[in-house]
Amino acid sequence: MQELYNNYFNISNDIIWKVAIYARLSREDEKDEKYKGQSESIENQIKYLKAIVSEKNWILVDTYKDDGYTRN
């Protein structure tokens, strides 16, 4: 995540962006019984990215969670 911040979030604070957050379940978390349904890593990703959005004064439009389940 730090690499993502360094490469893509060093955008001028003069521009207010409308952004969405996309968080994805990792394969390791999917196998771990303690996460039961929703990965703690997803929540950690969202928390981290919301902090960046807030710091930059961007507008959060939506949050998407990819929990690894296919819906038909």
PDB file of N, CA and C in Angstrom:
ATOM      1  N   MET A   1       0.826  -1.194   0.000  1.00  0.00           N
ATOM      2  CA  MET A   1       0.000   0.000   0.000  1.00  0.00           C
ATOM      3  C   MET A   1       0.873   1.262   0.000  1.00  0.00           C
ATOM      4  N   GLN A   2       2.018   1.194   0.681  1.00  0.00           N
ATOM      5  CA  GLN A   2       2.881   2.373   0.719  1.00  0.00           C
ATOM      6  C   GLN A   2       3.380   2.727  -0.676  1.00  0.00           C
ATOM      7  N   GLU A   3       3.694   1.711  -1.477  1.00  0.00           N
ATOM      8  CA  GLU A   3       4.130   1.963  -2.850  1.00  0.00           C
ATOM      9  C   GLU A   3       3.022   2.648  -3.643  1.00  0.00           C
ATOM     10  N   LEU A   4       1.794   2.198  -3.442  1.00  0.00           N
ATOM     11  CA  LEU A   4       0.639   2.823  -4.097  1.00  0.00           C
ATOM     12  C   LEU A   4       0.556   4.293  -3.709  1.00  0.00           C
ATOM     13  N   TYR A   5       0.702   4.561  -2.425  1.00  0.00           N
ATOM     14  CA  TYR A   5       0.655   5.950  -1.948  1.00  0.00           C
ATOM     15  C   TYR A   5       1.756   6.776  -2.593  1.00  0.00           C
ATOM     16  N   ASN A   6       2.967   6.248  -2.578  1.00  0.00           N
ATOM     17  CA  ASN A   6       4.106   6.997  -3.119  1.00  0.00           C
ATOM     18  C   ASN A   6       3.966   7.268  -4.613  1.00  0.00           C
ATOM     19  N   ASN A   7       3.427   6.307  -5.355  1.00  0.00           N
ATOM     20  CA  ASN A   7       3.371   6.445  -6.809  1.00  0.00           C
ATOM     21  C   ASN A   7       2.155   7.200  -7.328  1.00  0.00           C
ATOM     22  N   TYR A   8       1.031   7.083  -6.633  1.00  0.00           N
ATOM     23  CA  TYR A   8      -0.199   7.621  -7.212  1.00  0.00           C
ATOM     24  C   TYR A   8      -0.879   8.701  -6.396  1.00  0.00           C
ATOM     25  N   PHE A   9      -0.533   8.842  -5.140  1.00  0.00           N
ATOM     26  CA  PHE A   9      -1.252   9.799  -4.316  1.00  0.00           C
ATOM     27  C   PHE A   9      -0.473  11.069  -4.053  1.00  0.00           C
ATOM     28  N   ASN A  10       0.666  11.230  -4.707  1.00  0.00           N
ATOM     29  CA  ASN A  10       1.423  12.468  -4.568  1.00  0.00           C
ATOM     30  C   ASN A  10       0.928  13.493  -5.588  1.00  0.00           C
ATOM     31  N   ILE A  11      -0.361  13.601  -5.658  1.00  0.00           N
ATOM     32  CA  ILE A  11      -1.022  14.526  -6.581  1.00  0.00           C
ATOM     33  C   ILE A  11      -1.227  15.835  -5.843  1.00  0.00           C
ATOM     34  N   SER A  12      -1.154  16.918  -6.551  1.00  0.00           N
ATOM     35  CA  SER A  12      -1.324  18.233  -5.956  1.00  0.00           C
ATOM     36  C   SER A  12      -2.602  18.315  -5.136  1.00  0.00           C
ATOM     37  N   ASN A  13      -2.506  18.919  -3.978  1.00  0.00           N
ATOM     38  CA  ASN A  13      -3.675  19.124  -3.127  1.00  0.00           C
ATOM     39  C   ASN A  13      -4.581  20.226  -3.645  1.00  0.00           C
ATOM     40  N   ASP A  14      -4.177  20.905  -4.712  1.00  0.00           N
ATOM     41  CA  ASP A  14      -4.993  21.973  -5.281  1.00  0.00           C
ATOM     42  C   ASP A  14      -6.194  21.428  -6.049  1.00  0.00           C
ATOM     43  N   ILE A  15      -6.154  20.148  -6.409  1.00  0.00           N
ATOM     44  CA  ILE A  15      -7.236  19.534  -7.168  1.00  0.00           C
ATOM     45  C   ILE A  15      -8.048  18.649  -6.231  1.00  0.00           C
ATOM     46  N   ILE A  16      -9.367  18.829  -6.249  1.00  0.00           N
ATOM     47  CA  ILE A  16     -10.237  17.961  -5.461  1.00  0.00           C
ATOM     48  C   ILE A  16     -10.809  16.908  -6.399  1.00  0.00           C
ATOM     49  N   TRP A  17     -10.489  15.650  -6.104  1.00  0.00           N
ATOM     50  CA  TRP A  17     -10.897  14.532  -6.927  1.00  0.00           C
ATOM     51  C   TRP A  17     -12.125  13.859  -6.346  1.00  0.00           C
ATOM     52  N   LYS A  18     -12.967  13.313  -7.200  1.00  0.00           N
ATOM     53  CA  LYS A  18     -14.027  12.398  -6.784  1.00  0.00           C
ATOM     54  C   LYS A  18     -13.452  11.003  -6.975  1.00  0.00           C
ATOM     55  N   VAL A  19     -13.429  10.218  -5.894  1.00  0.00           N
ATOM     56  CA  VAL A  19     -12.781   8.915  -5.943  1.00  0.00           C
ATOM     57  C   VAL A  19     -13.675   7.831  -5.355  1.00  0.00           C
ATOM     58  N   ALA A  20     -13.352   6.597  -5.699  1.00  0.00           N
ATOM     59  CA  ALA A  20     -13.993   5.422  -5.103  1.00  0.00           C
ATOM     60  C   ALA A  20     -12.882   4.542  -4.548  1.00  0.00           C
ATOM     61  N   ILE A  21     -13.229   3.771  -3.542  1.00  0.00           N
ATOM     62  CA  ILE A  21     -12.292   2.820  -2.950  1.00  0.00           C
ATOM     63  C   ILE A  21     -12.679   1.420  -3.416  1.00  0.00           C
ATOM     64  N   TYR A  22     -11.675   0.648  -3.813  1.00  0.00           N
ATOM     65  CA  TYR A  22     -11.870  -0.748  -4.183  1.00  0.00           C
ATOM     66  C   TYR A  22     -10.971  -1.590  -3.294  1.00  0.00           C
ATOM     67  N   ALA A  23     -11.554  -2.458  -2.494  1.00  0.00           N
ATOM     68  CA  ALA A  23     -10.790  -3.334  -1.607  1.00  0.00           C
ATOM     69  C   ALA A  23     -11.063  -4.777  -2.003  1.00  0.00           C
ATOM     70  N   ARG A  24     -10.014  -5.598  -1.983  1.00  0.00           N
ATOM     71  CA  ARG A  24     -10.119  -6.970  -2.468  1.00  0.00           C
ATOM     72  C   ARG A  24      -9.646  -7.952  -1.411  1.00  0.00           C
ATOM     73  N   LEU A  25     -10.372  -9.053  -1.267  1.00  0.00           N
ATOM     74  CA  LEU A  25     -10.023 -10.130  -0.355  1.00  0.00           C
ATOM     75  C   LEU A  25      -8.811 -10.879  -0.889  1.00  0.00           C
ATOM     76  N   SER A  26      -7.832 -11.129  -0.022  1.00  0.00           N
ATOM     77  CA  SER A  26      -6.676 -11.912  -0.451  1.00  0.00           C
ATOM     78  C   SER A  26      -6.983 -13.398  -0.291  1.00  0.00           C
ATOM     79  N   ARG A  27      -6.302 -14.230  -1.046  1.00  0.00           N
ATOM     80  CA  ARG A  27      -6.499 -15.682  -0.977  1.00  0.00           C
ATOM     81  C   ARG A  27      -6.186 -16.215   0.422  1.00  0.00           C
ATOM     82  N   GLU A  28      -5.173 -15.668   1.067  1.00  0.00           N
ATOM     83  CA  GLU A  28      -4.801 -16.131   2.403  1.00  0.00           C
ATOM     84  C   GLU A  28      -5.929 -15.862   3.404  1.00  0.00           C
ATOM     85  N   ASP A  29      -6.532 -14.686   3.324  1.00  0.00           N
ATOM     86  CA  ASP A  29      -7.617 -14.340   4.235  1.00  0.00           C
ATOM     87  C   ASP A  29      -8.840 -15.205   3.986  1.00  0.00           C
ATOM     88  N   GLU A  30      -9.059 -15.537   2.709  1.00  0.00           N
ATOM     89  CA  GLU A  30     -10.213 -16.337   2.344  1.00  0.00           C
ATOM     90  C   GLU A  30     -10.162 -17.715   3.013  1.00  0.00           C
ATOM     91  N   LYS A  31      -8.958 -18.234   3.236  1.00  0.00           N
ATOM     92  CA  LYS A  31      -8.777 -19.557   3.833  1.00  0.00           C
ATOM     93  C   LYS A  31      -8.840 -19.518   5.364  1.00  0.00           C
ATOM     94  N   ASP A  32      -8.711 -18.349   5.944  1.00  0.00           N
ATOM     95  CA  ASP A  32      -8.611 -18.224   7.401  1.00  0.00           C
ATOM     96  C   ASP A  32      -9.996 -18.164   8.036  1.00  0.00           C
ATOM     97  N   GLU A  33     -10.287 -19.114   8.900  1.00  0.00           N
ATOM     98  CA  GLU A  33     -11.597 -19.225   9.560  1.00  0.00           C
ATOM     99  C   GLU A  33     -11.978 -17.979  10.352  1.00  0.00           C
ATOM    100  N   LYS A  34     -10.989 -17.293  10.929  1.00  0.00           N
ATOM    101  CA  LYS A  34     -11.307 -16.178  11.816  1.00  0.00           C
ATOM    102  C   LYS A  34     -11.936 -14.987  11.096  1.00  0.00           C
ATOM    103  N   TYR A  35     -11.833 -14.933   9.761  1.00  0.00           N
ATOM    104  CA  TYR A  35     -12.385 -13.790   9.038  1.00  0.00           C
ATOM    105  C   TYR A  35     -13.857 -13.955   8.707  1.00  0.00           C
ATOM    106  N   LYS A  36     -14.381 -15.137   8.767  1.00  0.00           N
ATOM    107  CA  LYS A  36     -15.797 -15.458   8.597  1.00  0.00           C
ATOM    108  C   LYS A  36     -16.589 -14.437   7.784  1.00  0.00           C
ATOM    109  N   GLY A  37     -16.536 -14.553   6.499  1.00  0.00           N
ATOM    110  CA  GLY A  37     -17.375 -13.730   5.648  1.00  0.00           C
ATOM    111  C   GLY A  37     -16.676 -12.516   5.084  1.00  0.00           C
ATOM    112  N   GLN A  38     -16.150 -11.672   5.952  1.00  0.00           N
ATOM    113  CA  GLN A  38     -15.501 -10.484   5.428  1.00  0.00           C
ATOM    114  C   GLN A  38     -14.111 -10.359   6.017  1.00  0.00           C
ATOM    115  N   SER A  39     -13.169 -10.174   5.151  1.00  0.00           N
ATOM    116  CA  SER A  39     -11.777 -10.141   5.560  1.00  0.00           C
ATOM    117  C   SER A  39     -11.440  -8.901   6.363  1.00  0.00           C
ATOM    118  N   GLU A  40     -10.674  -9.118   7.423  1.00  0.00           N
ATOM    119  CA  GLU A  40     -10.145  -7.982   8.169  1.00  0.00           C
ATOM    120  C   GLU A  40      -9.259  -7.152   7.248  1.00  0.00           C
ATOM    121  N   SER A  41      -8.593  -7.809   6.293  1.00  0.00           N
ATOM    122  CA  SER A  41      -7.722  -7.052   5.404  1.00  0.00           C
ATOM    123  C   SER A  41      -8.526  -6.088   4.543  1.00  0.00           C
ATOM    124  N   ILE A  42      -9.728  -6.445   4.179  1.00  0.00           N
ATOM    125  CA  ILE A  42     -10.585  -5.520   3.428  1.00  0.00           C
ATOM    126  C   ILE A  42     -10.871  -4.292   4.280  1.00  0.00           C
ATOM    127  N   GLU A  43     -11.230  -4.513   5.524  1.00  0.00           N
ATOM    128  CA  GLU A  43     -11.515  -3.388   6.411  1.00  0.00           C
ATOM    129  C   GLU A  43     -10.263  -2.535   6.644  1.00  0.00           C
ATOM    130  N   ASN A  44      -9.110  -3.174   6.763  1.00  0.00           N
ATOM    131  CA  ASN A  44      -7.863  -2.420   6.924  1.00  0.00           C
ATOM    132  C   ASN A  44      -7.538  -1.609   5.680  1.00  0.00           C
ATOM    133  N   GLN A  45      -7.761  -2.202   4.504  1.00  0.00           N
ATOM    134  CA  GLN A  45      -7.537  -1.471   3.257  1.00  0.00           C
ATOM    135  C   GLN A  45      -8.433  -0.243   3.185  1.00  0.00           C
ATOM    136  N   ILE A  46      -9.705  -0.431   3.510  1.00  0.00           N
ATOM    137  CA  ILE A  46     -10.664   0.676   3.444  1.00  0.00           C
ATOM    138  C   ILE A  46     -10.285   1.769   4.436  1.00  0.00           C
ATOM    139  N   LYS A  47      -9.926   1.384   5.637  1.00  0.00           N
ATOM    140  CA  LYS A  47      -9.519   2.358   6.660  1.00  0.00           C
ATOM    141  C   LYS A  47      -8.313   3.169   6.174  1.00  0.00           C
ATOM    142  N   TYR A  48      -7.316   2.475   5.632  1.00  0.00           N
ATOM    143  CA  TYR A  48      -6.111   3.138   5.133  1.00  0.00           C
ATOM    144  C   TYR A  48      -6.450   4.106   3.992  1.00  0.00           C
ATOM    145  N   LEU A  49      -7.240   3.626   3.046  1.00  0.00           N
ATOM    146  CA  LEU A  49      -7.566   4.466   1.889  1.00  0.00           C
ATOM    147  C   LEU A  49      -8.477   5.632   2.251  1.00  0.00           C
ATOM    148  N   LYS A  50      -9.390   5.432   3.199  1.00  0.00           N
ATOM    149  CA  LYS A  50     -10.233   6.547   3.664  1.00  0.00           C
ATOM    150  C   LYS A  50      -9.382   7.635   4.321  1.00  0.00           C
ATOM    151  N   ALA A  51      -8.336   7.227   5.017  1.00  0.00           N
ATOM    152  CA  ALA A  51      -7.435   8.211   5.629  1.00  0.00           C
ATOM    153  C   ALA A  51      -6.744   9.047   4.553  1.00  0.00           C
ATOM    154  N   ILE A  52      -6.341   8.407   3.462  1.00  0.00           N
ATOM    155  CA  ILE A  52      -5.709   9.135   2.357  1.00  0.00           C
ATOM    156  C   ILE A  52      -6.712  10.089   1.715  1.00  0.00           C
ATOM    157  N   VAL A  53      -7.921   9.595   1.472  1.00  0.00           N
ATOM    158  CA  VAL A  53      -8.975  10.431   0.874  1.00  0.00           C
ATOM    159  C   VAL A  53      -9.209  11.658   1.748  1.00  0.00           C
ATOM    160  N   SER A  54      -9.298  11.454   3.044  1.00  0.00           N
ATOM    161  CA  SER A  54      -9.520  12.552   3.980  1.00  0.00           C
ATOM    162  C   SER A  54      -8.349  13.534   3.980  1.00  0.00           C
ATOM    163  N   GLU A  55      -7.136  12.985   4.009  1.00  0.00           N
ATOM    164  CA  GLU A  55      -5.928  13.824   4.019  1.00  0.00           C
ATOM    165  C   GLU A  55      -5.855  14.716   2.788  1.00  0.00           C
ATOM    166  N   LYS A  56      -6.266  14.165   1.655  1.00  0.00           N
ATOM    167  CA  LYS A  56      -6.203  14.907   0.393  1.00  0.00           C
ATOM    168  C   LYS A  56      -7.435  15.795   0.154  1.00  0.00           C
ATOM    169  N   ASN A  57      -8.426  15.689   1.048  1.00  0.00           N
ATOM    170  CA  ASN A  57      -9.687  16.432   0.879  1.00  0.00           C
ATOM    171  C   ASN A  57     -10.409  16.058  -0.407  1.00  0.00           C
ATOM    172  N   TRP A  58     -10.283  14.793  -0.805  1.00  0.00           N
ATOM    173  CA  TRP A  58     -11.001  14.293  -1.953  1.00  0.00           C
ATOM    174  C   TRP A  58     -12.421  13.946  -1.546  1.00  0.00           C
ATOM    175  N   ILE A  59     -13.280  13.735  -2.510  1.00  0.00           N
ATOM    176  CA  ILE A  59     -14.674  13.364  -2.273  1.00  0.00           C
ATOM    177  C   ILE A  59     -14.823  11.867  -2.515  1.00  0.00           C
ATOM    178  N   LEU A  60     -15.194  11.132  -1.469  1.00  0.00           N
ATOM    179  CA  LEU A  60     -15.398   9.687  -1.594  1.00  0.00           C
ATOM    180  C   LEU A  60     -16.798   9.433  -2.134  1.00  0.00           C
ATOM    181  N   VAL A  61     -16.868   8.866  -3.334  1.00  0.00           N
ATOM    182  CA  VAL A  61     -18.131   8.617  -4.007  1.00  0.00           C
ATOM    183  C   VAL A  61     -18.734   7.277  -3.585  1.00  0.00           C
ATOM    184  N   ASP A  62     -17.884   6.245  -3.499  1.00  0.00           N
ATOM    185  CA  ASP A  62     -18.390   4.916  -3.147  1.00  0.00           C
ATOM    186  C   ASP A  62     -17.229   4.033  -2.714  1.00  0.00           C
ATOM    187  N   THR A  63     -17.581   2.932  -2.066  1.00  0.00           N
ATOM    188  CA  THR A  63     -16.604   1.932  -1.647  1.00  0.00           C
ATOM    189  C   THR A  63     -17.044   0.582  -2.185  1.00  0.00           C
ATOM    190  N   TYR A  64     -16.141  -0.109  -2.856  1.00  0.00           N
ATOM    191  CA  TYR A  64     -16.431  -1.415  -3.432  1.00  0.00           C
ATOM    192  C   TYR A  64     -15.598  -2.468  -2.713  1.00  0.00           C
ATOM    193  N   LYS A  65     -16.246  -3.563  -2.343  1.00  0.00           N
ATOM    194  CA  LYS A  65     -15.561  -4.659  -1.658  1.00  0.00           C
ATOM    195  C   LYS A  65     -15.665  -5.909  -2.506  1.00  0.00           C
ATOM    196  N   ASP A  66     -14.534  -6.463  -2.893  1.00  0.00           N
ATOM    197  CA  ASP A  66     -14.479  -7.710  -3.640  1.00  0.00           C
ATOM    198  C   ASP A  66     -14.133  -8.799  -2.652  1.00  0.00           C
ATOM    199  N   ASP A  67     -15.165  -9.558  -2.236  1.00  0.00           N
ATOM    200  CA  ASP A  67     -14.965 -10.581  -1.204  1.00  0.00           C
ATOM    201  C   ASP A  67     -14.573 -11.941  -1.773  1.00  0.00           C
ATOM    202  N   GLY A  68     -14.387 -11.999  -3.089  1.00  0.00           N
ATOM    203  CA  GLY A  68     -13.917 -13.230  -3.710  1.00  0.00           C
ATOM    204  C   GLY A  68     -15.005 -14.211  -4.084  1.00  0.00           C
ATOM    205  N   TYR A  69     -16.249 -13.857  -3.867  1.00  0.00           N
ATOM    206  CA  TYR A  69     -17.354 -14.758  -4.195  1.00  0.00           C
ATOM    207  C   TYR A  69     -18.003 -14.342  -5.496  1.00  0.00           C
ATOM    208  N   THR A  70     -18.255 -15.292  -6.362  1.00  0.00           N
ATOM    209  CA  THR A  70     -18.926 -15.032  -7.630  1.00  0.00           C
ATOM    210  C   THR A  70     -20.429 -15.113  -7.411  1.00  0.00           C
ATOM    211  N   ARG A  71     -21.119 -14.099  -7.893  1.00  0.00           N
ATOM    212  CA  ARG A  71     -22.573 -14.063  -7.763  1.00  0.00           C
ATOM    213  C   ARG A  71     -23.196 -14.283  -9.137  1.00  0.00           C
ATOM    214  N   ASN A  72     -24.115 -15.207  -9.231  1.00  0.00           N
ATOM    215  CA  ASN A  72     -24.780 -15.493 -10.511  1.00  0.00           C
ATOM    216  C   ASN A  72     -26.186 -14.986 -10.502  1.00  0.00           C
TER     217      ASN A  72
END
